[in-house]
Amino acid sequence: MLKSWGEVLLKREHLEVLKVPLAEAVEMVMRGEINANSSAHLILKVARMIEMTRSL
């Protein structure tokens, strides 16, 4: 079994780690390419936090 950040992945699960710019990750969420709820939520939350910080 693979382990990632304390989580155990089952043999039927697939984990692919990509390093992409945040703007591209947001677009991937919006296109449905990233559909794991926790990952999508975090990507959109960070993008929003950065956007709010820049507007101060």
PDB file of N, CA and C in Angstrom:
ATOM      1  N   MET A   1       0.825  -1.188   0.000  1.00  0.00           N
ATOM      2  CA  MET A   1       0.000   0.000   0.000  1.00  0.00           C
ATOM      3  C   MET A   1       0.867   1.249   0.000  1.00  0.00           C
ATOM      4  N   LEU A   2       0.395   2.276  -0.671  1.00  0.00           N
ATOM      5  CA  LEU A   2       1.089   3.555  -0.702  1.00  0.00           C
ATOM      6  C   LEU A   2       0.607   4.420   0.442  1.00  0.00           C
ATOM      7  N   LYS A   3       1.483   5.234   0.971  1.00  0.00           N
ATOM      8  CA  LYS A   3       1.087   6.173   2.020  1.00  0.00           C
ATOM      9  C   LYS A   3       1.403   7.586   1.562  1.00  0.00           C
ATOM     10  N   SER A   4       0.491   8.484   1.848  1.00  0.00           N
ATOM     11  CA  SER A   4       0.675   9.882   1.489  1.00  0.00           C
ATOM     12  C   SER A   4       0.107  10.752   2.587  1.00  0.00           C
ATOM     13  N   TRP A   5       0.930  11.508   3.252  1.00  0.00           N
ATOM     14  CA  TRP A   5       0.504  12.441   4.290  1.00  0.00           C
ATOM     15  C   TRP A   5      -0.373  11.764   5.329  1.00  0.00           C
ATOM     16  N   GLY A   6       0.013  10.563   5.719  1.00  0.00           N
ATOM     17  CA  GLY A   6      -0.716   9.875   6.768  1.00  0.00           C
ATOM     18  C   GLY A   6      -1.940   9.125   6.291  1.00  0.00           C
ATOM     19  N   GLU A   7      -2.267   9.199   5.021  1.00  0.00           N
ATOM     20  CA  GLU A   7      -3.424   8.480   4.497  1.00  0.00           C
ATOM     21  C   GLU A   7      -2.950   7.200   3.821  1.00  0.00           C
ATOM     22  N   VAL A   8      -3.757   6.184   3.914  1.00  0.00           N
ATOM     23  CA  VAL A   8      -3.442   4.915   3.269  1.00  0.00           C
ATOM     24  C   VAL A   8      -4.271   4.819   1.995  1.00  0.00           C
ATOM     25  N   LEU A   9      -3.601   4.561   0.888  1.00  0.00           N
ATOM     26  CA  LEU A   9      -4.301   4.396  -0.384  1.00  0.00           C
ATOM     27  C   LEU A   9      -4.548   2.909  -0.613  1.00  0.00           C
ATOM     28  N   LEU A  10      -5.737   2.588  -1.019  1.00  0.00           N
ATOM     29  CA  LEU A  10      -6.051   1.209  -1.341  1.00  0.00           C
ATOM     30  C   LEU A  10      -5.460   0.860  -2.696  1.00  0.00           C
ATOM     31  N   LYS A  11      -5.291  -0.413  -2.971  1.00  0.00           N
ATOM     32  CA  LYS A  11      -4.691  -0.836  -4.239  1.00  0.00           C
ATOM     33  C   LYS A  11      -5.491  -0.357  -5.447  1.00  0.00           C
ATOM     34  N   ARG A  12      -6.810  -0.204  -5.303  1.00  0.00           N
ATOM     35  CA  ARG A  12      -7.630   0.231  -6.435  1.00  0.00           C
ATOM     36  C   ARG A  12      -7.600   1.742  -6.649  1.00  0.00           C
ATOM     37  N   GLU A  13      -7.024   2.473  -5.693  1.00  0.00           N
ATOM     38  CA  GLU A  13      -6.965   3.924  -5.808  1.00  0.00           C
ATOM     39  C   GLU A  13      -5.707   4.345  -6.566  1.00  0.00           C
ATOM     40  N   HIS A  14      -5.809   5.479  -7.237  1.00  0.00           N
ATOM     41  CA  HIS A  14      -4.675   6.004  -8.006  1.00  0.00           C
ATOM     42  C   HIS A  14      -4.415   7.437  -7.568  1.00  0.00           C
ATOM     43  N   LEU A  15      -3.193   7.732  -7.257  1.00  0.00           N
ATOM     44  CA  LEU A  15      -2.815   9.081  -6.852  1.00  0.00           C
ATOM     45  C   LEU A  15      -1.771   9.596  -7.836  1.00  0.00           C
ATOM     46  N   GLU A  16      -2.084  10.722  -8.450  1.00  0.00           N
ATOM     47  CA  GLU A  16      -1.146  11.355  -9.373  1.00  0.00           C
ATOM     48  C   GLU A  16      -0.832  12.744  -8.834  1.00  0.00           C
ATOM     49  N   VAL A  17       0.432  13.015  -8.601  1.00  0.00           N
ATOM     50  CA  VAL A  17       0.858  14.302  -8.062  1.00  0.00           C
ATOM     51  C   VAL A  17       1.441  15.128  -9.193  1.00  0.00           C
ATOM     52  N   LEU A  18       0.871  16.302  -9.411  1.00  0.00           N
ATOM     53  CA  LEU A  18       1.356  17.217 -10.437  1.00  0.00           C
ATOM     54  C   LEU A  18       1.730  18.538  -9.793  1.00  0.00           C
ATOM     55  N   LYS A  19       2.774  19.163 -10.280  1.00  0.00           N
ATOM     56  CA  LYS A  19       3.168  20.493  -9.820  1.00  0.00           C
ATOM     57  C   LYS A  19       2.855  21.460 -10.953  1.00  0.00           C
ATOM     58  N   VAL A  20       1.823  22.279 -10.731  1.00  0.00           N
ATOM     59  CA  VAL A  20       1.381  23.234 -11.755  1.00  0.00           C
ATOM     60  C   VAL A  20       1.171  24.589 -11.094  1.00  0.00           C
ATOM     61  N   PRO A  21       1.230  25.672 -11.863  1.00  0.00           N
ATOM     62  CA  PRO A  21       0.924  26.993 -11.306  1.00  0.00           C
ATOM     63  C   PRO A  21      -0.513  27.022 -10.770  1.00  0.00           C
ATOM     64  N   LEU A  22      -0.741  27.837  -9.758  1.00  0.00           N
ATOM     65  CA  LEU A  22      -2.050  27.912  -9.122  1.00  0.00           C
ATOM     66  C   LEU A  22      -3.147  28.254 -10.126  1.00  0.00           C
ATOM     67  N   ALA A  23      -2.902  29.196 -11.007  1.00  0.00           N
ATOM     68  CA  ALA A  23      -3.919  29.582 -12.000  1.00  0.00           C
ATOM     69  C   ALA A  23      -4.319  28.387 -12.865  1.00  0.00           C
ATOM     70  N   GLU A  24      -3.360  27.568 -13.227  1.00  0.00           N
ATOM     71  CA  GLU A  24      -3.658  26.373 -14.026  1.00  0.00           C
ATOM     72  C   GLU A  24      -4.446  25.358 -13.195  1.00  0.00           C
ATOM     73  N   ALA A  25      -4.100  25.225 -11.918  1.00  0.00           N
ATOM     74  CA  ALA A  25      -4.827  24.306 -11.043  1.00  0.00           C
ATOM     75  C   ALA A  25      -6.284  24.740 -10.892  1.00  0.00           C
ATOM     76  N   VAL A  26      -6.516  26.042 -10.782  1.00  0.00           N
ATOM     77  CA  VAL A  26      -7.889  26.555 -10.695  1.00  0.00           C
ATOM     78  C   VAL A  26      -8.653  26.190 -11.962  1.00  0.00           C
ATOM     79  N   GLU A  27      -8.037  26.378 -13.113  1.00  0.00           N
ATOM     80  CA  GLU A  27      -8.692  26.030 -14.379  1.00  0.00           C
ATOM     81  C   GLU A  27      -8.962  24.527 -14.452  1.00  0.00           C
ATOM     82  N   MET A  28      -8.048  23.715 -13.935  1.00  0.00           N
ATOM     83  CA  MET A  28      -8.253  22.266 -13.925  1.00  0.00           C
ATOM     84  C   MET A  28      -9.456  21.894 -13.056  1.00  0.00           C
ATOM     85  N   VAL A  29      -9.624  22.582 -11.939  1.00  0.00           N
ATOM     86  CA  VAL A  29     -10.801  22.355 -11.088  1.00  0.00           C
ATOM     87  C   VAL A  29     -12.060  22.731 -11.855  1.00  0.00           C
ATOM     88  N   MET A  30     -12.053  23.889 -12.494  1.00  0.00           N
ATOM     89  CA  MET A  30     -13.244  24.368 -13.198  1.00  0.00           C
ATOM     90  C   MET A  30     -13.607  23.478 -14.390  1.00  0.00           C
ATOM     91  N   ARG A  31     -12.607  22.841 -15.005  1.00  0.00           N
ATOM     92  CA  ARG A  31     -12.866  21.918 -16.122  1.00  0.00           C
ATOM     93  C   ARG A  31     -13.223  20.517 -15.644  1.00  0.00           C
ATOM     94  N   GLY A  32     -13.149  20.289 -14.333  1.00  0.00           N
ATOM     95  CA  GLY A  32     -13.472  18.974 -13.791  1.00  0.00           C
ATOM     96  C   GLY A  32     -12.326  17.988 -13.829  1.00  0.00           C
ATOM     97  N   GLU A  33     -11.126  18.459 -14.145  1.00  0.00           N
ATOM     98  CA  GLU A  33      -9.964  17.576 -14.207  1.00  0.00           C
ATOM     99  C   GLU A  33      -9.456  17.224 -12.807  1.00  0.00           C
ATOM    100  N   ILE A  34      -9.652  18.133 -11.855  1.00  0.00           N
ATOM    101  CA  ILE A  34      -9.380  17.856 -10.452  1.00  0.00           C
ATOM    102  C   ILE A  34     -10.744  17.817  -9.787  1.00  0.00           C
ATOM    103  N   ASN A  35     -11.153  16.622  -9.368  1.00  0.00           N
ATOM    104  CA  ASN A  35     -12.500  16.501  -8.815  1.00  0.00           C
ATOM    105  C   ASN A  35     -12.523  15.895  -7.418  1.00  0.00           C
ATOM    106  N   ALA A  36     -11.374  15.692  -6.816  1.00  0.00           N
ATOM    107  CA  ALA A  36     -11.342  15.274  -5.415  1.00  0.00           C
ATOM    108  C   ALA A  36     -11.745  16.491  -4.583  1.00  0.00           C
ATOM    109  N   ASN A  37     -12.801  16.352  -3.814  1.00  0.00           N
ATOM    110  CA  ASN A  37     -13.360  17.503  -3.102  1.00  0.00           C
ATOM    111  C   ASN A  37     -12.345  18.254  -2.262  1.00  0.00           C
ATOM    112  N   SER A  38     -11.543  17.542  -1.493  1.00  0.00           N
ATOM    113  CA  SER A  38     -10.603  18.235  -0.611  1.00  0.00           C
ATOM    114  C   SER A  38      -9.546  18.994  -1.411  1.00  0.00           C
ATOM    115  N   SER A  39      -9.062  18.409  -2.489  1.00  0.00           N
ATOM    116  CA  SER A  39      -8.055  19.076  -3.324  1.00  0.00           C
ATOM    117  C   SER A  39      -8.645  20.296  -4.022  1.00  0.00           C
ATOM    118  N   ALA A  40      -9.821  20.113  -4.617  1.00  0.00           N
ATOM    119  CA  ALA A  40     -10.470  21.218  -5.327  1.00  0.00           C
ATOM    120  C   ALA A  40     -10.789  22.359  -4.369  1.00  0.00           C
ATOM    121  N   HIS A  41     -11.287  22.022  -3.194  1.00  0.00           N
ATOM    122  CA  HIS A  41     -11.630  23.037  -2.191  1.00  0.00           C
ATOM    123  C   HIS A  41     -10.398  23.836  -1.797  1.00  0.00           C
ATOM    124  N   LEU A  42      -9.309  23.165  -1.525  1.00  0.00           N
ATOM    125  CA  LEU A  42      -8.086  23.851  -1.108  1.00  0.00           C
ATOM    126  C   LEU A  42      -7.536  24.751  -2.212  1.00  0.00           C
ATOM    127  N   ILE A  43      -7.535  24.272  -3.436  1.00  0.00           N
ATOM    128  CA  ILE A  43      -7.046  25.073  -4.567  1.00  0.00           C
ATOM    129  C   ILE A  43      -7.859  26.351  -4.712  1.00  0.00           C
ATOM    130  N   LEU A  44      -9.188  26.232  -4.689  1.00  0.00           N
ATOM    131  CA  LEU A  44     -10.042  27.408  -4.844  1.00  0.00           C
ATOM    132  C   LEU A  44      -9.935  28.350  -3.648  1.00  0.00           C
ATOM    133  N   LYS A  45      -9.793  27.793  -2.452  1.00  0.00           N
ATOM    134  CA  LYS A  45      -9.666  28.630  -1.252  1.00  0.00           C
ATOM    135  C   LYS A  45      -8.370  29.434  -1.282  1.00  0.00           C
ATOM    136  N   VAL A  46      -7.266  28.803  -1.626  1.00  0.00           N
ATOM    137  CA  VAL A  46      -5.981  29.506  -1.690  1.00  0.00           C
ATOM    138  C   VAL A  46      -6.024  30.592  -2.756  1.00  0.00           C
ATOM    139  N   ALA A  47      -6.598  30.283  -3.909  1.00  0.00           N
ATOM    140  CA  ALA A  47      -6.700  31.282  -4.978  1.00  0.00           C
ATOM    141  C   ALA A  47      -7.503  32.486  -4.502  1.00  0.00           C
ATOM    142  N   ARG A  48      -8.588  32.238  -3.789  1.00  0.00           N
ATOM    143  CA  ARG A  48      -9.432  33.335  -3.281  1.00  0.00           C
ATOM    144  C   ARG A  48      -8.700  34.148  -2.229  1.00  0.00           C
ATOM    145  N   MET A  49      -7.963  33.472  -1.342  1.00  0.00           N
ATOM    146  CA  MET A  49      -7.217  34.174  -0.300  1.00  0.00           C
ATOM    147  C   MET A  49      -6.147  35.081  -0.915  1.00  0.00           C
ATOM    148  N   ILE A  50      -5.466  34.597  -1.941  1.00  0.00           N
ATOM    149  CA  ILE A  50      -4.449  35.409  -2.619  1.00  0.00           C
ATOM    150  C   ILE A  50      -5.110  36.606  -3.283  1.00  0.00           C
ATOM    151  N   GLU A  51      -6.242  36.378  -3.936  1.00  0.00           N
ATOM    152  CA  GLU A  51      -6.981  37.449  -4.606  1.00  0.00           C
ATOM    153  C   GLU A  51      -7.402  38.513  -3.594  1.00  0.00           C
ATOM    154  N   MET A  52      -7.881  38.107  -2.435  1.00  0.00           N
ATOM    155  CA  MET A  52      -8.312  39.058  -1.403  1.00  0.00           C
ATOM    156  C   MET A  52      -7.129  39.834  -0.839  1.00  0.00           C
ATOM    157  N   THR A  53      -5.994  39.191  -0.664  1.00  0.00           N
ATOM    158  CA  THR A  53      -4.805  39.839  -0.132  1.00  0.00           C
ATOM    159  C   THR A  53      -4.292  40.908  -1.096  1.00  0.00           C
ATOM    160  N   ARG A  54      -4.342  40.611  -2.381  1.00  0.00           N
ATOM    161  CA  ARG A  54      -3.865  41.565  -3.384  1.00  0.00           C
ATOM    162  C   ARG A  54      -4.744  42.794  -3.489  1.00  0.00           C
ATOM    163  N   SER A  55      -6.009  42.684  -3.113  1.00  0.00           N
ATOM    164  CA  SER A  55      -6.921  43.817  -3.229  1.00  0.00           C
ATOM    165  C   SER A  55      -6.868  44.753  -2.024  1.00  0.00           C
ATOM    166  N   LEU A  56      -6.047  44.417  -1.033  1.00  0.00           N
ATOM    167  CA  LEU A  56      -5.939  45.276   0.162  1.00  0.00           C
ATOM    168  C   LEU A  56      -5.116  46.508  -0.111  1.00  0.00           C
TER     169      LEU A  56
END
